[in-house]
Amino acid sequence: MNMKYLETLPDDIKNHILLFIPNTFMRFVNKFYSEIHRNYVTNILRDCPNNLIRSIIRQDDHLCLKTAIKLNYIKWNKTKKFKYKTQKFPNFYYYVRFLCQFYQANKCKETMIEFEKKKYIYEITRCEKNKKYKKSWFK
């Protein structure tokens, strides 16, 4: 449903329509609903599987990424040598940073930079830590 059409409707009808939308999808409507359903989001993001992170970055949902980083930053730095397709990363945090660049999620990239500045995480080289490897039968 296009949101510009929803704004033209009266408030009574809007409230009635929003009753039929499940809580899992309400967080995508706007920032207000994502603040309301924060408990639901934090419960999901505690485990934070790989496919969930990719879908968050694809949608450029910087609010969910911010809570995921706050909850899982220490765990992401402890996982060593994460592999994705032909790339090898020193930890999962660098993989998330790579996904932001790959999917061109600028809001998510800005959120990660903001988090690094706030936590005083300074990295000298970001690109050199990503190593490519190739599996082949011949050398």
N, C-alpha and C. Protein backbone atom coordinates (compact mmCIF):
# COMPACT_ATOMS: atom_id res chain seq x y z
N MET A 1 0.85 -1.18 0.00
CA MET A 1 0.00 0.00 0.00
C MET A 1 0.89 1.24 0.00
N ASN A 2 0.56 2.17 -0.82
CA ASN A 2 1.33 3.40 -0.91
C ASN A 2 0.95 4.32 0.25
N MET A 3 1.96 4.85 0.93
CA MET A 3 1.72 5.65 2.14
C MET A 3 1.08 7.00 1.84
N LYS A 4 1.26 7.53 0.63
CA LYS A 4 0.66 8.83 0.34
C LYS A 4 -0.87 8.73 0.27
N TYR A 5 -1.37 7.56 -0.13
CA TYR A 5 -2.82 7.36 -0.14
C TYR A 5 -3.36 7.19 1.27
N LEU A 6 -2.55 6.61 2.14
CA LEU A 6 -2.97 6.41 3.52
C LEU A 6 -3.11 7.74 4.25
N GLU A 7 -2.29 8.71 3.90
CA GLU A 7 -2.36 10.03 4.54
C GLU A 7 -3.63 10.79 4.18
N THR A 8 -4.21 10.50 3.03
CA THR A 8 -5.42 11.22 2.62
C THR A 8 -6.68 10.69 3.29
N LEU A 9 -6.60 9.51 3.87
CA LEU A 9 -7.77 8.92 4.53
C LEU A 9 -8.04 9.57 5.88
N PRO A 10 -9.28 9.54 6.35
CA PRO A 10 -9.58 10.05 7.69
C PRO A 10 -8.94 9.17 8.77
N ASP A 11 -8.79 9.74 9.96
CA ASP A 11 -8.11 9.04 11.05
C ASP A 11 -8.84 7.77 11.49
N ASP A 12 -10.16 7.78 11.48
CA ASP A 12 -10.91 6.60 11.90
C ASP A 12 -10.62 5.40 10.98
N ILE A 13 -10.59 5.67 9.71
CA ILE A 13 -10.33 4.58 8.75
C ILE A 13 -8.87 4.12 8.86
N LYS A 14 -7.95 5.07 9.06
CA LYS A 14 -6.54 4.70 9.22
C LYS A 14 -6.35 3.78 10.41
N ASN A 15 -6.97 4.13 11.53
CA ASN A 15 -6.84 3.30 12.73
C ASN A 15 -7.43 1.91 12.51
N HIS A 16 -8.53 1.85 11.79
CA HIS A 16 -9.16 0.56 11.51
C HIS A 16 -8.28 -0.29 10.58
N ILE A 17 -7.65 0.32 9.62
CA ILE A 17 -6.75 -0.41 8.71
C ILE A 17 -5.52 -0.91 9.47
N LEU A 18 -4.98 -0.09 10.35
CA LEU A 18 -3.77 -0.46 11.08
C LEU A 18 -4.00 -1.59 12.07
N LEU A 19 -5.26 -1.84 12.45
CA LEU A 19 -5.56 -2.96 13.33
C LEU A 19 -5.30 -4.30 12.65
N PHE A 20 -5.41 -4.35 11.34
CA PHE A 20 -5.25 -5.60 10.60
C PHE A 20 -3.80 -5.90 10.23
N ILE A 21 -2.92 -4.95 10.40
CA ILE A 21 -1.51 -5.17 10.08
C ILE A 21 -0.84 -5.78 11.31
N PRO A 22 -0.14 -6.92 11.16
CA PRO A 22 0.50 -7.54 12.32
C PRO A 22 1.66 -6.70 12.85
N ASN A 23 2.02 -6.94 14.11
CA ASN A 23 3.08 -6.16 14.77
C ASN A 23 4.43 -6.33 14.09
N THR A 24 4.64 -7.47 13.46
CA THR A 24 5.93 -7.68 12.81
C THR A 24 6.16 -6.72 11.66
N PHE A 25 5.09 -6.28 11.01
CA PHE A 25 5.22 -5.37 9.88
C PHE A 25 5.00 -3.90 10.25
N MET A 26 4.48 -3.66 11.43
CA MET A 26 4.21 -2.28 11.84
C MET A 26 5.50 -1.48 12.03
N ARG A 27 6.59 -2.16 12.35
CA ARG A 27 7.83 -1.42 12.57
C ARG A 27 8.36 -0.79 11.29
N PHE A 28 7.88 -1.26 10.13
CA PHE A 28 8.32 -0.70 8.86
C PHE A 28 7.53 0.54 8.46
N VAL A 29 6.43 0.83 9.15
CA VAL A 29 5.57 1.94 8.74
C VAL A 29 6.26 3.27 8.96
N ASN A 30 6.74 3.50 10.18
CA ASN A 30 7.48 4.72 10.45
C ASN A 30 8.27 4.57 11.75
N LYS A 31 8.98 5.61 12.13
CA LYS A 31 9.85 5.54 13.30
C LYS A 31 9.03 5.39 14.59
N PHE A 32 7.86 5.97 14.65
CA PHE A 32 7.02 5.89 15.84
C PHE A 32 6.68 4.44 16.18
N TYR A 33 6.27 3.68 15.17
CA TYR A 33 5.92 2.28 15.42
C TYR A 33 7.15 1.43 15.72
N SER A 34 8.29 1.78 15.15
CA SER A 34 9.49 1.02 15.48
C SER A 34 9.92 1.27 16.92
N GLU A 35 9.64 2.46 17.44
CA GLU A 35 9.91 2.74 18.86
C GLU A 35 8.95 1.96 19.76
N ILE A 36 7.69 1.84 19.34
CA ILE A 36 6.70 1.12 20.14
C ILE A 36 7.04 -0.37 20.20
N HIS A 37 7.41 -0.95 19.07
CA HIS A 37 7.69 -2.38 19.00
C HIS A 37 9.17 -2.68 19.20
N ARG A 38 9.84 -1.89 19.99
CA ARG A 38 11.27 -2.07 20.24
C ARG A 38 11.56 -3.41 20.92
N ASN A 39 10.68 -3.84 21.85
CA ASN A 39 10.91 -5.12 22.54
C ASN A 39 10.88 -6.28 21.56
N TYR A 40 9.96 -6.25 20.63
CA TYR A 40 9.88 -7.30 19.61
C TYR A 40 11.15 -7.31 18.77
N VAL A 41 11.61 -6.15 18.38
CA VAL A 41 12.79 -6.05 17.54
C VAL A 41 14.03 -6.52 18.29
N THR A 42 14.18 -6.14 19.56
CA THR A 42 15.37 -6.55 20.31
C THR A 42 15.39 -8.05 20.56
N ASN A 43 14.24 -8.67 20.76
CA ASN A 43 14.21 -10.13 20.94
C ASN A 43 14.66 -10.85 19.68
N ILE A 44 14.28 -10.34 18.53
CA ILE A 44 14.70 -10.97 17.27
C ILE A 44 16.19 -10.74 17.03
N LEU A 45 16.68 -9.54 17.33
CA LEU A 45 18.05 -9.18 16.98
C LEU A 45 19.09 -9.72 17.96
N ARG A 46 18.69 -10.35 19.05
CA ARG A 46 19.68 -10.92 19.96
C ARG A 46 20.46 -12.06 19.29
N ASP A 47 19.76 -12.91 18.55
CA ASP A 47 20.45 -14.00 17.85
C ASP A 47 21.12 -13.49 16.58
N CYS A 48 20.40 -12.69 15.84
CA CYS A 48 20.90 -11.98 14.67
C CYS A 48 21.58 -12.90 13.65
N PRO A 49 20.82 -13.75 12.98
CA PRO A 49 21.44 -14.59 11.95
C PRO A 49 21.87 -13.79 10.73
N ASN A 50 22.65 -14.42 9.91
CA ASN A 50 23.24 -13.77 8.74
C ASN A 50 22.18 -13.25 7.77
N ASN A 51 21.15 -14.05 7.51
CA ASN A 51 20.14 -13.62 6.53
C ASN A 51 19.32 -12.44 7.05
N LEU A 52 19.13 -12.34 8.36
CA LEU A 52 18.41 -11.19 8.92
C LEU A 52 19.21 -9.91 8.74
N ILE A 53 20.51 -9.98 8.98
CA ILE A 53 21.37 -8.80 8.80
C ILE A 53 21.36 -8.37 7.34
N ARG A 54 21.44 -9.33 6.42
CA ARG A 54 21.41 -8.96 5.00
C ARG A 54 20.10 -8.30 4.61
N SER A 55 18.98 -8.79 5.13
CA SER A 55 17.70 -8.18 4.78
C SER A 55 17.56 -6.79 5.40
N ILE A 56 18.10 -6.59 6.60
CA ILE A 56 18.07 -5.26 7.22
C ILE A 56 18.87 -4.27 6.39
N ILE A 57 20.03 -4.70 5.93
CA ILE A 57 20.89 -3.80 5.15
C ILE A 57 20.30 -3.57 3.76
N ARG A 58 19.70 -4.59 3.16
CA ARG A 58 19.05 -4.40 1.85
C ARG A 58 17.94 -3.37 1.92
N GLN A 59 17.19 -3.38 3.03
CA GLN A 59 16.09 -2.43 3.20
C GLN A 59 16.59 -1.07 3.70
N ASP A 60 17.87 -0.99 4.03
CA ASP A 60 18.49 0.23 4.55
C ASP A 60 17.77 0.70 5.82
N ASP A 61 17.48 -0.26 6.69
CA ASP A 61 16.78 0.02 7.95
C ASP A 61 17.82 0.32 9.03
N HIS A 62 18.17 1.59 9.15
CA HIS A 62 19.26 1.97 10.05
C HIS A 62 18.87 1.85 11.52
N LEU A 63 17.60 1.95 11.86
CA LEU A 63 17.19 1.81 13.26
C LEU A 63 17.39 0.39 13.77
N CYS A 64 17.02 -0.59 12.96
CA CYS A 64 17.23 -1.99 13.36
C CYS A 64 18.71 -2.33 13.39
N LEU A 65 19.47 -1.79 12.44
CA LEU A 65 20.91 -2.06 12.44
C LEU A 65 21.57 -1.46 13.67
N LYS A 66 21.11 -0.30 14.08
CA LYS A 66 21.68 0.35 15.27
C LYS A 66 21.45 -0.51 16.52
N THR A 67 20.24 -1.05 16.68
CA THR A 67 19.98 -1.91 17.84
C THR A 67 20.74 -3.22 17.72
N ALA A 68 20.89 -3.75 16.50
CA ALA A 68 21.65 -4.99 16.31
C ALA A 68 23.12 -4.78 16.68
N ILE A 69 23.68 -3.64 16.32
CA ILE A 69 25.08 -3.37 16.66
C ILE A 69 25.24 -3.22 18.17
N LYS A 70 24.31 -2.52 18.80
CA LYS A 70 24.40 -2.34 20.25
C LYS A 70 24.32 -3.68 20.98
N LEU A 71 23.46 -4.58 20.51
CA LEU A 71 23.29 -5.87 21.19
C LEU A 71 24.40 -6.87 20.88
N ASN A 72 24.95 -6.82 19.68
CA ASN A 72 25.83 -7.90 19.23
C ASN A 72 27.25 -7.48 18.89
N TYR A 73 27.67 -6.27 19.21
CA TYR A 73 28.99 -5.80 18.78
C TYR A 73 30.11 -6.67 19.34
N ILE A 74 30.04 -7.01 20.61
CA ILE A 74 31.09 -7.81 21.23
C ILE A 74 31.13 -9.21 20.62
N LYS A 75 29.96 -9.79 20.40
CA LYS A 75 29.89 -11.13 19.80
C LYS A 75 30.41 -11.12 18.37
N TRP A 76 30.11 -10.05 17.62
CA TRP A 76 30.58 -9.97 16.24
C TRP A 76 32.09 -9.85 16.17
N ASN A 77 32.70 -9.16 17.12
CA ASN A 77 34.15 -9.03 17.09
C ASN A 77 34.85 -10.30 17.55
N LYS A 78 34.17 -11.14 18.32
CA LYS A 78 34.78 -12.39 18.77
C LYS A 78 34.83 -13.45 17.69
N THR A 79 33.87 -13.42 16.77
CA THR A 79 33.89 -14.42 15.69
C THR A 79 35.02 -14.08 14.73
N LYS A 80 35.90 -15.02 14.53
CA LYS A 80 37.09 -14.77 13.71
C LYS A 80 36.95 -15.43 12.34
N LYS A 81 37.53 -14.81 11.35
CA LYS A 81 37.64 -15.32 9.99
C LYS A 81 36.30 -15.75 9.41
N PHE A 82 35.49 -14.80 9.13
CA PHE A 82 34.18 -15.04 8.52
C PHE A 82 34.33 -15.06 7.01
N LYS A 83 33.74 -16.07 6.35
CA LYS A 83 33.85 -16.20 4.89
C LYS A 83 32.49 -15.95 4.25
N TYR A 84 32.52 -15.23 3.14
CA TYR A 84 31.31 -14.97 2.36
C TYR A 84 31.69 -14.96 0.89
N LYS A 85 31.15 -15.90 0.14
CA LYS A 85 31.44 -16.09 -1.28
C LYS A 85 32.94 -16.15 -1.50
N THR A 86 33.53 -15.17 -2.17
CA THR A 86 34.98 -15.21 -2.43
C THR A 86 35.74 -14.27 -1.51
N GLN A 87 35.11 -13.81 -0.47
CA GLN A 87 35.76 -12.84 0.43
C GLN A 87 35.97 -13.46 1.80
N LYS A 88 37.05 -13.08 2.44
CA LYS A 88 37.34 -13.52 3.79
C LYS A 88 37.48 -12.27 4.66
N PHE A 89 36.79 -12.26 5.79
CA PHE A 89 36.79 -11.10 6.67
C PHE A 89 37.38 -11.49 8.03
N PRO A 90 38.05 -10.56 8.70
CA PRO A 90 38.64 -10.89 10.01
C PRO A 90 37.58 -11.18 11.08
N ASN A 91 36.41 -10.56 10.98
CA ASN A 91 35.31 -10.86 11.90
C ASN A 91 33.99 -10.46 11.24
N PHE A 92 32.89 -10.73 11.95
CA PHE A 92 31.56 -10.51 11.38
C PHE A 92 31.26 -9.02 11.22
N TYR A 93 31.84 -8.17 12.05
CA TYR A 93 31.60 -6.73 11.96
C TYR A 93 32.08 -6.18 10.62
N TYR A 94 33.24 -6.64 10.14
CA TYR A 94 33.75 -6.20 8.84
C TYR A 94 32.85 -6.71 7.72
N TYR A 95 32.26 -7.88 7.92
CA TYR A 95 31.32 -8.41 6.93
C TYR A 95 30.09 -7.52 6.83
N VAL A 96 29.57 -7.06 7.95
CA VAL A 96 28.40 -6.16 7.95
C VAL A 96 28.76 -4.85 7.27
N ARG A 97 29.96 -4.37 7.52
CA ARG A 97 30.42 -3.14 6.87
C ARG A 97 30.52 -3.34 5.35
N PHE A 98 31.00 -4.51 4.95
CA PHE A 98 31.08 -4.83 3.52
C PHE A 98 29.69 -4.87 2.89
N LEU A 99 28.72 -5.46 3.59
CA LEU A 99 27.36 -5.53 3.06
C LEU A 99 26.75 -4.14 2.87
N CYS A 100 27.06 -3.23 3.78
CA CYS A 100 26.56 -1.85 3.62
C CYS A 100 27.09 -1.23 2.34
N GLN A 101 28.34 -1.52 2.05
CA GLN A 101 28.93 -0.98 0.82
C GLN A 101 28.39 -1.71 -0.41
N PHE A 102 28.21 -3.02 -0.31
CA PHE A 102 27.77 -3.83 -1.44
C PHE A 102 26.34 -3.49 -1.85
N TYR A 103 25.44 -3.34 -0.88
CA TYR A 103 24.04 -3.02 -1.17
C TYR A 103 23.78 -1.51 -1.24
N GLN A 104 24.81 -0.71 -1.11
CA GLN A 104 24.73 0.75 -1.18
C GLN A 104 23.71 1.30 -0.19
N ALA A 105 23.80 0.81 1.04
CA ALA A 105 22.92 1.25 2.12
C ALA A 105 23.61 2.39 2.85
N ASN A 106 23.37 3.60 2.40
CA ASN A 106 24.08 4.75 2.95
C ASN A 106 23.68 5.07 4.38
N LYS A 107 22.41 4.91 4.72
CA LYS A 107 21.99 5.18 6.10
C LYS A 107 22.63 4.20 7.06
N CYS A 108 22.71 2.94 6.65
CA CYS A 108 23.34 1.93 7.51
C CYS A 108 24.84 2.20 7.64
N LYS A 109 25.46 2.63 6.55
CA LYS A 109 26.89 2.94 6.60
C LYS A 109 27.15 4.11 7.54
N GLU A 110 26.31 5.14 7.47
CA GLU A 110 26.45 6.28 8.37
C GLU A 110 26.21 5.88 9.82
N THR A 111 25.29 4.96 10.06
CA THR A 111 25.03 4.48 11.41
C THR A 111 26.24 3.75 11.97
N MET A 112 26.90 2.95 11.14
CA MET A 112 28.09 2.23 11.60
C MET A 112 29.24 3.19 11.88
N ILE A 113 29.42 4.18 11.04
CA ILE A 113 30.48 5.17 11.27
C ILE A 113 30.20 5.96 12.54
N GLU A 114 28.94 6.31 12.74
CA GLU A 114 28.53 7.03 13.95
C GLU A 114 28.81 6.19 15.21
N PHE A 115 28.51 4.90 15.13
CA PHE A 115 28.77 4.00 16.26
C PHE A 115 30.26 3.88 16.54
N GLU A 116 31.07 3.80 15.48
CA GLU A 116 32.51 3.70 15.66
C GLU A 116 33.08 4.97 16.29
N LYS A 117 32.57 6.12 15.88
CA LYS A 117 33.06 7.37 16.47
C LYS A 117 32.64 7.48 17.93
N LYS A 118 31.43 7.03 18.23
CA LYS A 118 30.94 7.11 19.60
C LYS A 118 31.71 6.16 20.53
N LYS A 119 32.03 4.98 20.04
CA LYS A 119 32.73 3.99 20.85
C LYS A 119 34.25 4.13 20.74
N TYR A 120 34.72 5.13 20.01
CA TYR A 120 36.15 5.40 19.84
C TYR A 120 36.88 4.21 19.23
N ILE A 121 36.29 3.64 18.21
CA ILE A 121 36.91 2.54 17.49
C ILE A 121 37.57 3.14 16.26
N TYR A 122 38.87 3.18 16.26
CA TYR A 122 39.58 3.76 15.14
C TYR A 122 40.32 2.65 14.40
N GLU A 123 40.06 2.54 13.14
CA GLU A 123 40.71 1.54 12.29
C GLU A 123 41.58 2.29 11.28
N ILE A 124 42.83 1.87 11.15
CA ILE A 124 43.72 2.54 10.22
C ILE A 124 43.35 2.18 8.78
N THR A 125 43.24 0.90 8.51
CA THR A 125 42.88 0.48 7.16
C THR A 125 41.65 -0.39 7.23
N ARG A 126 40.69 -0.08 6.42
CA ARG A 126 39.46 -0.87 6.40
C ARG A 126 39.47 -1.86 5.24
N CYS A 127 39.98 -1.45 4.12
CA CYS A 127 39.89 -2.28 2.92
C CYS A 127 40.94 -3.38 2.90
N GLU A 128 42.09 -3.18 3.53
CA GLU A 128 43.15 -4.18 3.48
C GLU A 128 42.81 -5.43 4.28
N LYS A 129 41.90 -5.35 5.21
CA LYS A 129 41.58 -6.50 6.03
C LYS A 129 40.67 -7.49 5.31
N ASN A 130 40.04 -7.08 4.23
CA ASN A 130 39.20 -7.99 3.44
C ASN A 130 40.09 -8.69 2.42
N LYS A 131 40.18 -10.01 2.53
CA LYS A 131 41.04 -10.76 1.63
C LYS A 131 40.18 -11.63 0.73
N LYS A 132 40.57 -11.68 -0.53
CA LYS A 132 39.85 -12.52 -1.47
C LYS A 132 40.59 -13.86 -1.59
N TYR A 133 39.83 -14.90 -1.72
CA TYR A 133 40.42 -16.20 -1.97
C TYR A 133 39.63 -16.89 -3.07
N LYS A 134 40.28 -17.79 -3.75
CA LYS A 134 39.63 -18.45 -4.87
C LYS A 134 39.87 -19.95 -4.75
N LYS A 135 38.79 -20.71 -4.82
CA LYS A 135 38.90 -22.16 -4.79
C LYS A 135 39.01 -22.65 -6.23
N SER A 136 40.03 -23.39 -6.51
CA SER A 136 40.17 -23.94 -7.85
C SER A 136 40.95 -25.24 -7.77
N TRP A 137 40.91 -25.99 -8.85
CA TRP A 137 41.63 -27.26 -8.90
C TRP A 137 43.10 -27.03 -9.22
N PHE A 138 43.39 -25.95 -9.89
CA PHE A 138 44.76 -25.67 -10.30
C PHE A 138 45.30 -24.49 -9.52
N LYS A 139 46.61 -24.45 -9.39
CA LYS A 139 47.23 -23.33 -8.68
C LYS A 139 47.59 -22.22 -9.61
